Amino acid sequence: MTLVNEPINRGEIRKKYCRFKKHGIKYIDYKDPNFLLKFVNEQGKILPRRLTGNSAKYQRKVAQAIKKARQLALLPFVTDGLK
């Protein structure tokens, strides 16, 4: 018998990691919209770090790069279907 609050899937819990620290990336290029699309959802909103796995430092850098790319019209502010 399972309880309501008990998780059904007891698979391995994957540890989130910051891809920027792992690969030694220090600069996030705002002119690369294909890379920045990994950090926005279908509506164009910036994904939180609990979903992306970024550290706080690099989440701020990603957010600034996305906002700069939006200002230069490389990324849309809002859309119905981005991906």
PDB file of N, CA and C in Angstrom:
ATOM      1  N   MET A   1       0.839  -1.172   0.000  1.00  0.00           N
ATOM      2  CA  MET A   1       0.000   0.000   0.000  1.00  0.00           C
ATOM      3  C   MET A   1       0.890   1.243   0.000  1.00  0.00           C
ATOM      4  N   THR A   2       0.610   2.157  -0.906  1.00  0.00           N
ATOM      5  CA  THR A   2       1.398   3.385  -0.974  1.00  0.00           C
ATOM      6  C   THR A   2       0.621   4.535  -0.361  1.00  0.00           C
ATOM      7  N   LEU A   3       1.352   5.389   0.283  1.00  0.00           N
ATOM      8  CA  LEU A   3       0.739   6.576   0.852  1.00  0.00           C
ATOM      9  C   LEU A   3       0.659   7.663  -0.214  1.00  0.00           C
ATOM     10  N   VAL A   4      -0.190   8.625   0.011  1.00  0.00           N
ATOM     11  CA  VAL A   4      -0.384   9.682  -0.977  1.00  0.00           C
ATOM     12  C   VAL A   4       0.883  10.516  -1.134  1.00  0.00           C
ATOM     13  N   ASN A   5       1.561  10.829  -0.043  1.00  0.00           N
ATOM     14  CA  ASN A   5       2.729  11.690  -0.101  1.00  0.00           C
ATOM     15  C   ASN A   5       4.020  10.948  -0.441  1.00  0.00           C
ATOM     16  N   GLU A   6       3.966   9.644  -0.505  1.00  0.00           N
ATOM     17  CA  GLU A   6       5.159   8.850  -0.778  1.00  0.00           C
ATOM     18  C   GLU A   6       5.426   8.812  -2.285  1.00  0.00           C
ATOM     19  N   PRO A   7       6.644   9.059  -2.713  1.00  0.00           N
ATOM     20  CA  PRO A   7       6.916   9.024  -4.154  1.00  0.00           C
ATOM     21  C   PRO A   7       6.798   7.608  -4.699  1.00  0.00           C
ATOM     22  N   ILE A   8       6.238   7.492  -5.887  1.00  0.00           N
ATOM     23  CA  ILE A   8       6.039   6.186  -6.503  1.00  0.00           C
ATOM     24  C   ILE A   8       7.349   5.672  -7.091  1.00  0.00           C
ATOM     25  N   ASN A   9       8.079   6.534  -7.779  1.00  0.00           N
ATOM     26  CA  ASN A   9       9.332   6.132  -8.407  1.00  0.00           C
ATOM     27  C   ASN A   9      10.475   6.335  -7.416  1.00  0.00           C
ATOM     28  N   ARG A  10      11.168   5.285  -7.088  1.00  0.00           N
ATOM     29  CA  ARG A  10      12.281   5.373  -6.146  1.00  0.00           C
ATOM     30  C   ARG A  10      13.611   5.208  -6.871  1.00  0.00           C
ATOM     31  N   GLY A  11      13.693   5.750  -8.068  1.00  0.00           N
ATOM     32  CA  GLY A  11      14.930   5.661  -8.842  1.00  0.00           C
ATOM     33  C   GLY A  11      16.017   6.525  -8.234  1.00  0.00           C
ATOM     34  N   GLU A  12      17.147   6.512  -8.872  1.00  0.00           N
ATOM     35  CA  GLU A  12      18.272   7.294  -8.383  1.00  0.00           C
ATOM     36  C   GLU A  12      17.975   8.782  -8.495  1.00  0.00           C
ATOM     37  N   ILE A  13      18.421   9.516  -7.517  1.00  0.00           N
ATOM     38  CA  ILE A  13      18.283  10.961  -7.553  1.00  0.00           C
ATOM     39  C   ILE A  13      19.524  11.517  -8.233  1.00  0.00           C
ATOM     40  N   ARG A  14      19.322  12.228  -9.331  1.00  0.00           N
ATOM     41  CA  ARG A  14      20.445  12.784 -10.073  1.00  0.00           C
ATOM     42  C   ARG A  14      20.890  14.082  -9.423  1.00  0.00           C
ATOM     43  N   LYS A  15      22.165  14.196  -9.198  1.00  0.00           N
ATOM     44  CA  LYS A  15      22.705  15.414  -8.617  1.00  0.00           C
ATOM     45  C   LYS A  15      22.812  16.464  -9.704  1.00  0.00           C
ATOM     46  N   LYS A  16      22.275  17.636  -9.416  1.00  0.00           N
ATOM     47  CA  LYS A  16      22.376  18.735 -10.365  1.00  0.00           C
ATOM     48  C   LYS A  16      23.772  19.324 -10.280  1.00  0.00           C
ATOM     49  N   TYR A  17      24.277  19.754 -11.396  1.00  0.00           N
ATOM     50  CA  TYR A  17      25.601  20.348 -11.427  1.00  0.00           C
ATOM     51  C   TYR A  17      25.551  21.582 -12.314  1.00  0.00           C
ATOM     52  N   CYS A  18      26.443  22.463 -12.057  1.00  0.00           N
ATOM     53  CA  CYS A  18      26.553  23.672 -12.864  1.00  0.00           C
ATOM     54  C   CYS A  18      27.420  23.346 -14.076  1.00  0.00           C
ATOM     55  N   ARG A  19      26.842  23.393 -15.253  1.00  0.00           N
ATOM     56  CA  ARG A  19      27.581  23.038 -16.471  1.00  0.00           C
ATOM     57  C   ARG A  19      28.713  24.008 -16.747  1.00  0.00           C
ATOM     58  N   PHE A  20      28.592  25.243 -16.251  1.00  0.00           N
ATOM     59  CA  PHE A  20      29.632  26.238 -16.480  1.00  0.00           C
ATOM     60  C   PHE A  20      30.865  25.938 -15.635  1.00  0.00           C
ATOM     61  N   LYS A  21      30.658  25.527 -14.389  1.00  0.00           N
ATOM     62  CA  LYS A  21      31.792  25.162 -13.540  1.00  0.00           C
ATOM     63  C   LYS A  21      32.443  23.872 -14.029  1.00  0.00           C
ATOM     64  N   LYS A  22      31.623  22.933 -14.490  1.00  0.00           N
ATOM     65  CA  LYS A  22      32.147  21.643 -14.925  1.00  0.00           C
ATOM     66  C   LYS A  22      33.051  21.794 -16.147  1.00  0.00           C
ATOM     67  N   HIS A  23      32.647  22.645 -17.094  1.00  0.00           N
ATOM     68  CA  HIS A  23      33.411  22.814 -18.328  1.00  0.00           C
ATOM     69  C   HIS A  23      34.350  24.012 -18.290  1.00  0.00           C
ATOM     70  N   GLY A  24      34.366  24.744 -17.190  1.00  0.00           N
ATOM     71  CA  GLY A  24      35.280  25.873 -17.052  1.00  0.00           C
ATOM     72  C   GLY A  24      34.908  27.085 -17.890  1.00  0.00           C
ATOM     73  N   ILE A  25      33.617  27.271 -18.160  1.00  0.00           N
ATOM     74  CA  ILE A  25      33.160  28.418 -18.943  1.00  0.00           C
ATOM     75  C   ILE A  25      33.070  29.626 -18.023  1.00  0.00           C
ATOM     76  N   LYS A  26      33.717  30.712 -18.409  1.00  0.00           N
ATOM     77  CA  LYS A  26      33.700  31.911 -17.571  1.00  0.00           C
ATOM     78  C   LYS A  26      32.865  33.025 -18.178  1.00  0.00           C
ATOM     79  N   TYR A  27      32.678  33.008 -19.498  1.00  0.00           N
ATOM     80  CA  TYR A  27      31.934  34.069 -20.166  1.00  0.00           C
ATOM     81  C   TYR A  27      30.755  33.461 -20.910  1.00  0.00           C
ATOM     82  N   ILE A  28      29.579  34.018 -20.705  1.00  0.00           N
ATOM     83  CA  ILE A  28      28.381  33.558 -21.391  1.00  0.00           C
ATOM     84  C   ILE A  28      28.092  34.553 -22.509  1.00  0.00           C
ATOM     85  N   ASP A  29      28.142  34.090 -23.737  1.00  0.00           N
ATOM     86  CA  ASP A  29      28.007  34.970 -24.891  1.00  0.00           C
ATOM     87  C   ASP A  29      26.536  35.255 -25.157  1.00  0.00           C
ATOM     88  N   TYR A  30      26.153  36.518 -25.081  1.00  0.00           N
ATOM     89  CA  TYR A  30      24.766  36.905 -25.322  1.00  0.00           C
ATOM     90  C   TYR A  30      24.435  36.887 -26.812  1.00  0.00           C
ATOM     91  N   LYS A  31      25.441  36.774 -27.678  1.00  0.00           N
ATOM     92  CA  LYS A  31      25.214  36.766 -29.122  1.00  0.00           C
ATOM     93  C   LYS A  31      24.959  35.357 -29.660  1.00  0.00           C
ATOM     94  N   ASP A  32      24.846  34.380 -28.778  1.00  0.00           N
ATOM     95  CA  ASP A  32      24.599  32.996 -29.185  1.00  0.00           C
ATOM     96  C   ASP A  32      23.199  32.583 -28.728  1.00  0.00           C
ATOM     97  N   PRO A  33      22.161  32.895 -29.522  1.00  0.00           N
ATOM     98  CA  PRO A  33      20.796  32.605 -29.075  1.00  0.00           C
ATOM     99  C   PRO A  33      20.492  31.112 -28.970  1.00  0.00           C
ATOM    100  N   ASN A  34      21.157  30.278 -29.766  1.00  0.00           N
ATOM    101  CA  ASN A  34      20.899  28.836 -29.682  1.00  0.00           C
ATOM    102  C   ASN A  34      21.319  28.276 -28.329  1.00  0.00           C
ATOM    103  N   PHE A  35      22.407  28.773 -27.775  1.00  0.00           N
ATOM    104  CA  PHE A  35      22.846  28.335 -26.452  1.00  0.00           C
ATOM    105  C   PHE A  35      21.912  28.869 -25.371  1.00  0.00           C
ATOM    106  N   LEU A  36      21.473  30.111 -25.519  1.00  0.00           N
ATOM    107  CA  LEU A  36      20.605  30.723 -24.512  1.00  0.00           C
ATOM    108  C   LEU A  36      19.207  30.107 -24.501  1.00  0.00           C
ATOM    109  N   LEU A  37      18.802  29.482 -25.606  1.00  0.00           N
ATOM    110  CA  LEU A  37      17.480  28.850 -25.652  1.00  0.00           C
ATOM    111  C   LEU A  37      17.374  27.674 -24.687  1.00  0.00           C
ATOM    112  N   LYS A  38      18.509  27.137 -24.239  1.00  0.00           N
ATOM    113  CA  LYS A  38      18.482  26.042 -23.265  1.00  0.00           C
ATOM    114  C   LYS A  38      17.992  26.519 -21.901  1.00  0.00           C
ATOM    115  N   PHE A  39      18.035  27.833 -21.680  1.00  0.00           N
ATOM    116  CA  PHE A  39      17.709  28.385 -20.371  1.00  0.00           C
ATOM    117  C   PHE A  39      16.394  29.143 -20.356  1.00  0.00           C
ATOM    118  N   VAL A  40      15.595  29.028 -21.423  1.00  0.00           N
ATOM    119  CA  VAL A  40      14.261  29.629 -21.446  1.00  0.00           C
ATOM    120  C   VAL A  40      13.252  28.542 -21.794  1.00  0.00           C
ATOM    121  N   ASN A  41      12.016  28.721 -21.331  1.00  0.00           N
ATOM    122  CA  ASN A  41      10.990  27.733 -21.647  1.00  0.00           C
ATOM    123  C   ASN A  41      10.316  28.086 -22.972  1.00  0.00           C
ATOM    124  N   GLU A  42       9.250  27.375 -23.320  1.00  0.00           N
ATOM    125  CA  GLU A  42       8.589  27.560 -24.608  1.00  0.00           C
ATOM    126  C   GLU A  42       7.969  28.943 -24.740  1.00  0.00           C
ATOM    127  N   GLN A  43       7.627  29.558 -23.622  1.00  0.00           N
ATOM    128  CA  GLN A  43       7.006  30.882 -23.648  1.00  0.00           C
ATOM    129  C   GLN A  43       8.036  32.000 -23.639  1.00  0.00           C
ATOM    130  N   GLY A  44       9.300  31.668 -23.491  1.00  0.00           N
ATOM    131  CA  GLY A  44      10.347  32.671 -23.487  1.00  0.00           C
ATOM    132  C   GLY A  44      10.755  33.130 -22.104  1.00  0.00           C
ATOM    133  N   LYS A  45      10.238  32.494 -21.058  1.00  0.00           N
ATOM    134  CA  LYS A  45      10.592  32.872 -19.688  1.00  0.00           C
ATOM    135  C   LYS A  45      11.902  32.203 -19.279  1.00  0.00           C
ATOM    136  N   ILE A  46      12.666  32.890 -18.455  1.00  0.00           N
ATOM    137  CA  ILE A  46      13.936  32.347 -17.975  1.00  0.00           C
ATOM    138  C   ILE A  46      13.652  31.242 -16.963  1.00  0.00           C
ATOM    139  N   LEU A  47      14.281  30.089 -17.156  1.00  0.00           N
ATOM    140  CA  LEU A  47      14.080  28.964 -16.242  1.00  0.00           C
ATOM    141  C   LEU A  47      14.807  29.213 -14.923  1.00  0.00           C
ATOM    142  N   PRO A  48      14.224  28.788 -13.800  1.00  0.00           N
ATOM    143  CA  PRO A  48      14.896  28.967 -12.510  1.00  0.00           C
ATOM    144  C   PRO A  48      16.071  28.010 -12.365  1.00  0.00           C
ATOM    145  N   ARG A  49      16.943  28.329 -11.443  1.00  0.00           N
ATOM    146  CA  ARG A  49      18.158  27.519 -11.289  1.00  0.00           C
ATOM    147  C   ARG A  49      17.871  26.150 -10.703  1.00  0.00           C
ATOM    148  N   ARG A  50      16.746  25.963 -10.051  1.00  0.00           N
ATOM    149  CA  ARG A  50      16.416  24.626  -9.549  1.00  0.00           C
ATOM    150  C   ARG A  50      16.120  23.666 -10.699  1.00  0.00           C
ATOM    151  N   LEU A  51      15.758  24.201 -11.866  1.00  0.00           N
ATOM    152  CA  LEU A  51      15.531  23.360 -13.037  1.00  0.00           C
ATOM    153  C   LEU A  51      16.775  23.248 -13.912  1.00  0.00           C
ATOM    154  N   THR A  52      17.541  24.321 -14.023  1.00  0.00           N
ATOM    155  CA  THR A  52      18.720  24.288 -14.888  1.00  0.00           C
ATOM    156  C   THR A  52      19.926  23.685 -14.194  1.00  0.00           C
ATOM    157  N   GLY A  53      19.999  23.784 -12.867  1.00  0.00           N
ATOM    158  CA  GLY A  53      21.137  23.248 -12.133  1.00  0.00           C
ATOM    159  C   GLY A  53      22.308  24.202 -12.060  1.00  0.00           C
ATOM    160  N   ASN A  54      22.118  25.439 -12.499  1.00  0.00           N
ATOM    161  CA  ASN A  54      23.208  26.418 -12.454  1.00  0.00           C
ATOM    162  C   ASN A  54      23.475  26.864 -11.031  1.00  0.00           C
ATOM    163  N   SER A  55      24.699  27.305 -10.793  1.00  0.00           N
ATOM    164  CA  SER A  55      25.001  27.938  -9.514  1.00  0.00           C
ATOM    165  C   SER A  55      24.414  29.345  -9.547  1.00  0.00           C
ATOM    166  N   ALA A  56      24.321  29.986  -8.392  1.00  0.00           N
ATOM    167  CA  ALA A  56      23.715  31.315  -8.312  1.00  0.00           C
ATOM    168  C   ALA A  56      24.491  32.329  -9.148  1.00  0.00           C
ATOM    169  N   LYS A  57      25.806  32.216  -9.119  1.00  0.00           N
ATOM    170  CA  LYS A  57      26.657  33.139  -9.876  1.00  0.00           C
ATOM    171  C   LYS A  57      26.372  33.052 -11.372  1.00  0.00           C
ATOM    172  N   TYR A  58      26.322  31.844 -11.897  1.00  0.00           N
ATOM    173  CA  TYR A  58      26.125  31.680 -13.325  1.00  0.00           C
ATOM    174  C   TYR A  58      24.664  31.850 -13.724  1.00  0.00           C
ATOM    175  N   GLN A  59      23.731  31.638 -12.813  1.00  0.00           N
ATOM    176  CA  GLN A  59      22.331  31.921 -13.121  1.00  0.00           C
ATOM    177  C   GLN A  59      22.139  33.423 -13.344  1.00  0.00           C
ATOM    178  N   ARG A  60      22.822  34.244 -12.540  1.00  0.00           N
ATOM    179  CA  ARG A  60      22.752  35.695 -12.743  1.00  0.00           C
ATOM    180  C   ARG A  60      23.358  36.081 -14.085  1.00  0.00           C
ATOM    181  N   LYS A  61      24.476  35.447 -14.444  1.00  0.00           N
ATOM    182  CA  LYS A  61      25.117  35.753 -15.726  1.00  0.00           C
ATOM    183  C   LYS A  61      24.241  35.325 -16.903  1.00  0.00           C
ATOM    184  N   VAL A  62      23.589  34.172 -16.778  1.00  0.00           N
ATOM    185  CA  VAL A  62      22.692  33.699 -17.834  1.00  0.00           C
ATOM    186  C   VAL A  62      21.514  34.656 -17.977  1.00  0.00           C
ATOM    187  N   ALA A  63      20.950  35.076 -16.859  1.00  0.00           N
ATOM    188  CA  ALA A  63      19.812  35.996 -16.904  1.00  0.00           C
ATOM    189  C   ALA A  63      20.203  37.314 -17.566  1.00  0.00           C
ATOM    190  N   GLN A  64      21.373  37.839 -17.237  1.00  0.00           N
ATOM    191  CA  GLN A  64      21.830  39.088 -17.850  1.00  0.00           C
ATOM    192  C   GLN A  64      22.068  38.903 -19.350  1.00  0.00           C
ATOM    193  N   ALA A  65      22.622  37.760 -19.752  1.00  0.00           N
ATOM    194  CA  ALA A  65      22.862  37.502 -21.174  1.00  0.00           C
ATOM    195  C   ALA A  65      21.542  37.381 -21.935  1.00  0.00           C
ATOM    196  N   ILE A  66      20.550  36.732 -21.340  1.00  0.00           N
ATOM    197  CA  ILE A  66      19.244  36.596 -21.989  1.00  0.00           C
ATOM    198  C   ILE A  66      18.581  37.958 -22.124  1.00  0.00           C
ATOM    199  N   LYS A  67      18.658  38.764 -21.081  1.00  0.00           N
ATOM    200  CA  LYS A  67      18.046  40.097 -21.131  1.00  0.00           C
ATOM    201  C   LYS A  67      18.731  40.983 -22.169  1.00  0.00           C
ATOM    202  N   LYS A  68      20.045  40.865 -22.287  1.00  0.00           N
ATOM    203  CA  LYS A  68      20.776  41.654 -23.285  1.00  0.00           C
ATOM    204  C   LYS A  68      20.422  41.175 -24.694  1.00  0.00           C
ATOM    205  N   ALA A  69      20.283  39.863 -24.871  1.00  0.00           N
ATOM    206  CA  ALA A  69      19.913  39.319 -26.179  1.00  0.00           C
ATOM    207  C   ALA A  69      18.495  39.727 -26.559  1.00  0.00           C
ATOM    208  N   ARG A  70      17.613  39.839 -25.585  1.00  0.00           N
ATOM    209  CA  ARG A  70      16.255  40.309 -25.861  1.00  0.00           C
ATOM    210  C   ARG A  70      16.268  41.760 -26.321  1.00  0.00           C
ATOM    211  N   GLN A  71      17.078  42.585 -25.689  1.00  0.00           N
ATOM    212  CA  GLN A  71      17.159  43.997 -26.062  1.00  0.00           C
ATOM    213  C   GLN A  71      17.695  44.172 -27.483  1.00  0.00           C
ATOM    214  N   LEU A  72      18.582  43.286 -27.900  1.00  0.00           N
ATOM    215  CA  LEU A  72      19.147  43.354 -29.248  1.00  0.00           C
ATOM    216  C   LEU A  72      18.327  42.566 -30.266  1.00  0.00           C
ATOM    217  N   ALA A  73      17.164  42.069 -29.858  1.00  0.00           N
ATOM    218  CA  ALA A  73      16.230  41.329 -30.715  1.00  0.00           C
ATOM    219  C   ALA A  73      16.812  40.011 -31.214  1.00  0.00           C
ATOM    220  N   LEU A  74      17.718  39.415 -30.444  1.00  0.00           N
ATOM    221  CA  LEU A  74      18.220  38.083 -30.780  1.00  0.00           C
ATOM    222  C   LEU A  74      17.308  37.003 -30.215  1.00  0.00           C
ATOM    223  N   LEU A  75      16.629  37.321 -29.116  1.00  0.00           N
ATOM    224  CA  LEU A  75      15.642  36.434 -28.502  1.00  0.00           C
ATOM    225  C   LEU A  75      14.344  37.214 -28.341  1.00  0.00           C
ATOM    226  N   PRO A  76      13.198  36.546 -28.487  1.00  0.00           N
ATOM    227  CA  PRO A  76      11.929  37.248 -28.267  1.00  0.00           C
ATOM    228  C   PRO A  76      11.645  37.412 -26.775  1.00  0.00           C
ATOM    229  N   PHE A  77      10.895  38.459 -26.443  1.00  0.00           N
ATOM    230  CA  PHE A  77      10.497  38.649 -25.053  1.00  0.00           C
ATOM    231  C   PHE A  77       9.457  37.607 -24.663  1.00  0.00           C
ATOM    232  N   VAL A  78       8.406  37.472 -25.470  1.00  0.00           N
ATOM    233  CA  VAL A  78       7.330  36.522 -25.195  1.00  0.00           C
ATOM    234  C   VAL A  78       6.910  35.915 -26.526  1.00  0.00           C
ATOM    235  N   THR A  79       6.554  34.642 -26.493  1.00  0.00           N
ATOM    236  CA  THR A  79       6.097  33.983 -27.714  1.00  0.00           C
ATOM    237  C   THR A  79       5.161  32.842 -27.352  1.00  0.00           C
ATOM    238  N   ASP A  80       4.395  32.380 -28.330  1.00  0.00           N
ATOM    239  CA  ASP A  80       3.482  31.268 -28.103  1.00  0.00           C
ATOM    240  C   ASP A  80       4.195  29.931 -28.232  1.00  0.00           C
ATOM    241  N   GLY A  81       5.101  29.809 -29.162  1.00  0.00           N
ATOM    242  CA  GLY A  81       5.834  28.564 -29.345  1.00  0.00           C
ATOM    243  C   GLY A  81       7.257  28.844 -29.782  1.00  0.00           C
ATOM    244  N   LEU A  82       8.191  28.720 -28.868  1.00  0.00           N
ATOM    245  CA  LEU A  82       9.576  29.078 -29.169  1.00  0.00           C
ATOM    246  C   LEU A  82      10.365  27.885 -29.685  1.00  0.00           C
ATOM    247  N   LYS A  83      10.171  26.728 -29.080  1.00  0.00           N
ATOM    248  CA  LYS A  83      11.000  25.574 -29.429  1.00  0.00           C
ATOM    249  C   LYS A  83      10.306  24.667 -30.403  1.00  0.00           C
TER     250      LYS A  83
END
